[in-house]
């Protein structure tokens, strides 16, 4: 397996570690957060953590702020479980795939209703 295979394995390992560790965080701002994926740069210096958060806009923003502030702790946790020369910087990005899919389904439903009526 080439470098792409290694990056994929590292990404998946980070996802598993973060999925276990985030619910353990004691920050009350973190609501129900699910890690949906991790993308690691080819040089393994940056990792983008994609997640979904339940709640309204205010609660999701609070979860995002809590994840950013927990970044250094989560990075240390990764470092204690994965042997790498350099630990990547973590960036958290809300995964809005579900919201986008729901909007598309609504639009398609409206088109079909317009065609019928």
N, C-alpha and C. Protein backbone atom coordinates (compact mmCIF):
# COMPACT_ATOMS: atom_id res chain seq x y z
N UNK A 1 0.83 -1.18 0.00
CA UNK A 1 0.00 0.00 0.00
C UNK A 1 0.87 1.24 0.00
N UNK A 2 0.48 2.24 -0.76
CA UNK A 2 1.27 3.46 -0.86
C UNK A 2 0.94 4.44 0.24
N UNK A 3 1.40 5.66 0.05
CA UNK A 3 1.19 6.72 1.04
C UNK A 3 -0.30 6.99 1.27
N UNK A 4 -1.11 6.90 0.19
CA UNK A 4 -2.55 7.11 0.34
C UNK A 4 -3.17 6.11 1.30
N UNK A 5 -2.69 4.87 1.28
CA UNK A 5 -3.18 3.85 2.20
C UNK A 5 -2.84 4.17 3.64
N UNK A 6 -1.65 4.68 3.86
CA UNK A 6 -1.24 5.04 5.21
C UNK A 6 -2.09 6.20 5.73
N UNK A 7 -2.30 7.20 4.89
CA UNK A 7 -3.11 8.36 5.28
C UNK A 7 -4.52 7.90 5.63
N UNK A 8 -5.07 6.99 4.84
CA UNK A 8 -6.40 6.46 5.12
C UNK A 8 -6.46 5.72 6.44
N UNK A 9 -5.45 4.91 6.72
CA UNK A 9 -5.41 4.18 7.99
C UNK A 9 -5.29 5.13 9.17
N UNK A 10 -4.44 6.15 9.04
CA UNK A 10 -4.27 7.14 10.11
C UNK A 10 -5.58 7.90 10.32
N UNK A 11 -6.24 8.29 9.24
CA UNK A 11 -7.52 9.01 9.34
C UNK A 11 -8.54 8.18 10.10
N UNK A 12 -8.66 6.91 9.76
CA UNK A 12 -9.63 6.05 10.41
C UNK A 12 -9.27 5.83 11.88
N UNK A 13 -8.00 5.68 12.17
CA UNK A 13 -7.59 5.50 13.57
C UNK A 13 -7.91 6.75 14.39
N UNK A 14 -7.65 7.93 13.83
CA UNK A 14 -7.99 9.19 14.51
C UNK A 14 -9.50 9.26 14.74
N UNK A 15 -10.29 8.88 13.73
CA UNK A 15 -11.75 8.94 13.86
C UNK A 15 -12.21 8.07 15.02
N UNK A 16 -11.67 6.86 15.11
CA UNK A 16 -12.06 5.95 16.19
C UNK A 16 -11.68 6.51 17.56
N UNK A 17 -10.47 7.05 17.68
CA UNK A 17 -10.02 7.60 18.95
C UNK A 17 -10.89 8.79 19.36
N UNK A 18 -11.14 9.70 18.43
CA UNK A 18 -11.93 10.88 18.74
C UNK A 18 -13.38 10.53 19.05
N UNK A 19 -13.93 9.54 18.33
CA UNK A 19 -15.31 9.12 18.59
C UNK A 19 -15.46 8.57 20.00
N UNK A 20 -14.43 7.96 20.53
CA UNK A 20 -14.46 7.45 21.90
C UNK A 20 -14.20 8.56 22.92
N UNK A 21 -13.31 9.47 22.59
CA UNK A 21 -12.86 10.47 23.57
C UNK A 21 -13.82 11.66 23.70
N UNK A 22 -14.43 12.11 22.63
CA UNK A 22 -15.28 13.31 22.69
C UNK A 22 -16.44 13.14 23.69
N UNK A 23 -17.13 11.99 23.73
CA UNK A 23 -18.19 11.85 24.73
C UNK A 23 -17.67 11.90 26.18
N UNK A 24 -16.41 11.65 26.38
CA UNK A 24 -15.82 11.68 27.73
C UNK A 24 -15.49 13.10 28.20
N UNK A 25 -15.50 14.05 27.28
CA UNK A 25 -15.16 15.42 27.65
C UNK A 25 -16.17 15.95 28.67
N UNK A 26 -15.69 16.72 29.62
CA UNK A 26 -16.55 17.21 30.69
C UNK A 26 -17.16 18.58 30.39
N UNK A 27 -16.89 19.14 29.23
CA UNK A 27 -17.39 20.46 28.87
C UNK A 27 -18.91 20.40 28.67
N UNK A 28 -19.67 21.17 29.45
CA UNK A 28 -21.14 21.12 29.32
C UNK A 28 -21.66 21.69 28.00
N UNK A 29 -20.82 22.41 27.26
CA UNK A 29 -21.26 22.96 25.98
C UNK A 29 -21.37 21.90 24.90
N UNK A 30 -20.67 20.79 25.10
CA UNK A 30 -20.70 19.73 24.09
C UNK A 30 -21.99 18.95 24.23
N UNK A 31 -22.78 18.99 23.19
CA UNK A 31 -24.02 18.23 23.17
C UNK A 31 -23.76 16.86 22.60
N UNK A 32 -24.74 16.35 21.88
CA UNK A 32 -24.60 15.04 21.25
C UNK A 32 -23.83 15.22 19.96
N UNK A 33 -22.56 14.84 19.97
CA UNK A 33 -21.66 15.03 18.82
C UNK A 33 -21.25 13.65 18.30
N UNK A 34 -21.30 13.50 16.98
CA UNK A 34 -20.87 12.27 16.33
C UNK A 34 -19.76 12.61 15.35
N UNK A 35 -18.63 11.94 15.46
CA UNK A 35 -17.54 12.13 14.51
C UNK A 35 -17.88 11.33 13.26
N UNK A 36 -18.03 12.02 12.13
CA UNK A 36 -18.42 11.35 10.89
C UNK A 36 -17.22 10.99 10.02
N UNK A 37 -16.09 11.65 10.25
CA UNK A 37 -14.91 11.34 9.46
C UNK A 37 -13.74 12.22 9.83
N UNK A 38 -12.57 11.80 9.44
CA UNK A 38 -11.35 12.58 9.64
C UNK A 38 -10.56 12.53 8.35
N UNK A 39 -10.11 13.68 7.90
CA UNK A 39 -9.28 13.75 6.70
C UNK A 39 -7.91 14.26 7.15
N UNK A 40 -6.88 13.50 6.86
CA UNK A 40 -5.51 13.86 7.26
C UNK A 40 -4.74 14.25 6.00
N UNK A 41 -3.97 15.32 6.11
CA UNK A 41 -3.16 15.76 4.97
C UNK A 41 -2.09 14.72 4.66
N UNK A 42 -1.61 14.67 3.42
CA UNK A 42 -0.59 13.67 3.05
C UNK A 42 0.67 13.72 3.91
N UNK A 43 1.03 14.92 4.41
CA UNK A 43 2.23 15.00 5.26
C UNK A 43 1.91 14.74 6.74
N UNK A 44 0.65 14.40 7.04
CA UNK A 44 0.17 14.06 8.38
C UNK A 44 0.31 15.21 9.39
N UNK A 45 0.41 16.44 8.91
CA UNK A 45 0.56 17.59 9.81
C UNK A 45 -0.76 18.27 10.14
N UNK A 46 -1.79 17.98 9.38
CA UNK A 46 -3.10 18.60 9.59
C UNK A 46 -4.18 17.52 9.52
N UNK A 47 -5.17 17.64 10.39
CA UNK A 47 -6.30 16.72 10.37
C UNK A 47 -7.59 17.53 10.51
N UNK A 48 -8.52 17.28 9.61
CA UNK A 48 -9.83 17.93 9.65
C UNK A 48 -10.81 16.91 10.19
N UNK A 49 -11.43 17.25 11.30
CA UNK A 49 -12.37 16.35 11.96
C UNK A 49 -13.78 16.81 11.60
N UNK A 50 -14.53 15.94 10.91
CA UNK A 50 -15.90 16.25 10.51
C UNK A 50 -16.84 15.61 11.52
N UNK A 51 -17.84 16.38 11.95
CA UNK A 51 -18.75 15.91 12.98
C UNK A 51 -20.16 16.44 12.72
N UNK A 52 -21.12 15.78 13.33
CA UNK A 52 -22.48 16.31 13.36
C UNK A 52 -22.81 16.58 14.82
N UNK A 53 -23.62 17.60 15.04
CA UNK A 53 -24.04 17.97 16.39
C UNK A 53 -25.55 18.17 16.40
N UNK A 54 -26.19 17.61 17.39
CA UNK A 54 -27.64 17.75 17.52
C UNK A 54 -27.95 19.08 18.21
N UNK A 55 -29.15 19.57 17.95
CA UNK A 55 -29.60 20.78 18.63
C UNK A 55 -29.84 21.91 17.66
N UNK A 56 -30.28 23.04 18.23
CA UNK A 56 -30.52 24.22 17.41
C UNK A 56 -29.19 24.91 17.10
N UNK A 57 -29.28 25.99 16.37
CA UNK A 57 -28.07 26.71 15.92
C UNK A 57 -27.18 27.12 17.10
N UNK A 58 -27.79 27.62 18.16
CA UNK A 58 -27.02 28.06 19.33
C UNK A 58 -26.28 26.88 19.99
N UNK A 59 -26.97 25.76 20.13
CA UNK A 59 -26.35 24.58 20.73
C UNK A 59 -25.23 24.03 19.85
N UNK A 60 -25.43 24.05 18.53
CA UNK A 60 -24.38 23.56 17.62
C UNK A 60 -23.16 24.47 17.67
N UNK A 61 -23.38 25.79 17.76
CA UNK A 61 -22.24 26.72 17.88
C UNK A 61 -21.49 26.49 19.19
N UNK A 62 -22.23 26.21 20.26
CA UNK A 62 -21.59 25.94 21.56
C UNK A 62 -20.75 24.67 21.48
N UNK A 63 -21.28 23.64 20.81
CA UNK A 63 -20.51 22.40 20.64
C UNK A 63 -19.24 22.66 19.83
N UNK A 64 -19.36 23.48 18.78
CA UNK A 64 -18.19 23.80 17.95
C UNK A 64 -17.13 24.52 18.77
N UNK A 65 -17.54 25.47 19.60
CA UNK A 65 -16.58 26.20 20.44
C UNK A 65 -15.92 25.26 21.45
N UNK A 66 -16.70 24.36 22.02
CA UNK A 66 -16.15 23.41 22.99
C UNK A 66 -15.14 22.48 22.33
N UNK A 67 -15.44 22.02 21.11
CA UNK A 67 -14.50 21.14 20.41
C UNK A 67 -13.20 21.88 20.12
N UNK A 68 -13.31 23.15 19.68
CA UNK A 68 -12.08 23.92 19.42
C UNK A 68 -11.25 24.07 20.69
N UNK A 69 -11.90 24.35 21.80
CA UNK A 69 -11.13 24.53 23.04
C UNK A 69 -10.57 23.20 23.54
N UNK A 70 -11.21 22.08 23.20
CA UNK A 70 -10.72 20.76 23.61
C UNK A 70 -9.65 20.23 22.66
N UNK A 71 -9.39 20.94 21.57
CA UNK A 71 -8.44 20.48 20.57
C UNK A 71 -7.08 20.05 21.13
N UNK A 72 -6.44 20.89 21.96
CA UNK A 72 -5.13 20.48 22.49
C UNK A 72 -5.21 19.19 23.33
N UNK A 73 -6.26 19.06 24.12
CA UNK A 73 -6.42 17.83 24.92
C UNK A 73 -6.61 16.63 23.99
N UNK A 74 -7.48 16.77 22.98
CA UNK A 74 -7.73 15.66 22.06
C UNK A 74 -6.47 15.29 21.28
N UNK A 75 -5.67 16.29 20.97
CA UNK A 75 -4.40 16.05 20.27
C UNK A 75 -3.46 15.22 21.15
N UNK A 76 -3.43 15.54 22.45
CA UNK A 76 -2.60 14.77 23.38
C UNK A 76 -3.10 13.32 23.49
N UNK A 77 -4.41 13.16 23.51
CA UNK A 77 -4.98 11.81 23.58
C UNK A 77 -4.55 11.00 22.36
N UNK A 78 -4.65 11.62 21.19
CA UNK A 78 -4.21 10.94 19.96
C UNK A 78 -2.73 10.59 20.08
N UNK A 79 -1.92 11.53 20.56
CA UNK A 79 -0.49 11.30 20.70
C UNK A 79 -0.16 10.16 21.65
N UNK A 80 -1.00 9.95 22.66
CA UNK A 80 -0.74 8.86 23.60
C UNK A 80 -1.11 7.50 23.01
N UNK A 81 -1.93 7.50 21.95
CA UNK A 81 -2.38 6.23 21.39
C UNK A 81 -1.80 5.90 20.01
N UNK A 82 -1.25 6.90 19.33
CA UNK A 82 -0.71 6.70 17.98
C UNK A 82 0.73 7.16 17.96
N UNK A 83 1.59 6.35 17.40
CA UNK A 83 2.99 6.71 17.34
C UNK A 83 3.29 7.37 16.00
N UNK A 84 3.46 8.70 16.03
CA UNK A 84 3.82 9.48 14.86
C UNK A 84 4.94 10.43 15.23
N UNK A 85 5.76 10.80 14.25
CA UNK A 85 6.83 11.76 14.52
C UNK A 85 6.26 13.13 14.88
N UNK A 86 5.21 13.53 14.16
CA UNK A 86 4.59 14.84 14.39
C UNK A 86 3.09 14.62 14.55
N UNK A 87 2.52 15.21 15.59
CA UNK A 87 1.07 15.14 15.75
C UNK A 87 0.42 16.23 14.92
N UNK A 88 -0.65 15.91 14.24
CA UNK A 88 -1.29 16.92 13.39
C UNK A 88 -2.07 17.95 14.20
N UNK A 89 -2.19 19.13 13.63
CA UNK A 89 -3.10 20.13 14.18
C UNK A 89 -4.51 19.67 13.84
N UNK A 90 -5.43 19.85 14.78
CA UNK A 90 -6.81 19.43 14.55
C UNK A 90 -7.68 20.64 14.22
N UNK A 91 -8.48 20.49 13.20
CA UNK A 91 -9.48 21.51 12.84
C UNK A 91 -10.83 20.80 12.81
N UNK A 92 -11.83 21.41 13.44
CA UNK A 92 -13.15 20.80 13.52
C UNK A 92 -14.10 21.50 12.56
N UNK A 93 -14.81 20.70 11.75
CA UNK A 93 -15.76 21.24 10.79
C UNK A 93 -17.06 20.46 10.87
N UNK A 94 -18.16 21.20 11.04
CA UNK A 94 -19.45 20.54 11.12
C UNK A 94 -19.80 19.94 9.76
N UNK A 95 -20.20 18.69 9.78
CA UNK A 95 -20.59 17.97 8.57
C UNK A 95 -22.07 18.22 8.34
N UNK A 96 -22.38 18.96 7.30
CA UNK A 96 -23.78 19.30 7.04
C UNK A 96 -24.40 18.44 5.94
N UNK A 97 -23.86 17.27 5.73
CA UNK A 97 -24.36 16.37 4.69
C UNK A 97 -25.84 16.04 4.90
N UNK A 98 -26.22 15.74 6.16
CA UNK A 98 -27.61 15.39 6.44
C UNK A 98 -28.54 16.55 6.14
N UNK A 99 -28.14 17.76 6.52
CA UNK A 99 -28.97 18.93 6.27
C UNK A 99 -29.10 19.18 4.77
N UNK A 100 -28.02 19.02 4.04
CA UNK A 100 -28.05 19.22 2.59
C UNK A 100 -28.96 18.18 1.94
N UNK A 101 -28.84 16.94 2.36
CA UNK A 101 -29.69 15.87 1.81
C UNK A 101 -31.16 16.15 2.09
N UNK A 102 -31.45 16.63 3.28
CA UNK A 102 -32.84 16.95 3.63
C UNK A 102 -33.38 18.08 2.76
N UNK A 103 -32.56 19.11 2.51
CA UNK A 103 -32.98 20.21 1.64
C UNK A 103 -33.25 19.72 0.22
N UNK A 104 -32.39 18.85 -0.29
CA UNK A 104 -32.56 18.32 -1.64
C UNK A 104 -33.84 17.49 -1.72
N UNK A 105 -34.08 16.65 -0.71
CA UNK A 105 -35.30 15.85 -0.70
C UNK A 105 -36.54 16.73 -0.69
N UNK A 106 -36.51 17.80 0.08
CA UNK A 106 -37.65 18.73 0.13
C UNK A 106 -37.88 19.37 -1.23
N UNK A 107 -36.80 19.79 -1.89
CA UNK A 107 -36.94 20.40 -3.21
C UNK A 107 -37.50 19.42 -4.23
N UNK A 108 -37.01 18.19 -4.21
CA UNK A 108 -37.51 17.17 -5.14
C UNK A 108 -38.98 16.89 -4.87
N UNK A 109 -39.36 16.81 -3.61
CA UNK A 109 -40.76 16.57 -3.25
C UNK A 109 -41.64 17.70 -3.78
N UNK A 110 -41.17 18.95 -3.65
CA UNK A 110 -41.94 20.09 -4.15
C UNK A 110 -42.08 20.05 -5.67
N UNK A 111 -41.04 19.67 -6.35
CA UNK A 111 -41.09 19.56 -7.82
C UNK A 111 -42.13 18.54 -8.23
N UNK A 112 -42.11 17.38 -7.57
CA UNK A 112 -43.09 16.34 -7.90
C UNK A 112 -44.50 16.79 -7.58
N UNK A 113 -44.69 17.51 -6.48
CA UNK A 113 -46.02 18.03 -6.13
C UNK A 113 -46.48 19.04 -7.17
N UNK A 114 -45.56 19.90 -7.64
CA UNK A 114 -45.91 20.89 -8.67
C UNK A 114 -46.29 20.21 -9.99
N UNK A 115 -45.60 19.12 -10.32
CA UNK A 115 -45.90 18.40 -11.55
C UNK A 115 -47.28 17.75 -11.48
N UNK A 116 -47.66 17.28 -10.31
CA UNK A 116 -48.96 16.62 -10.13
C UNK A 116 -50.09 17.64 -10.06
N UNK A 117 -49.82 18.79 -9.50
CA UNK A 117 -50.90 19.73 -9.22
C UNK A 117 -50.89 20.88 -10.12
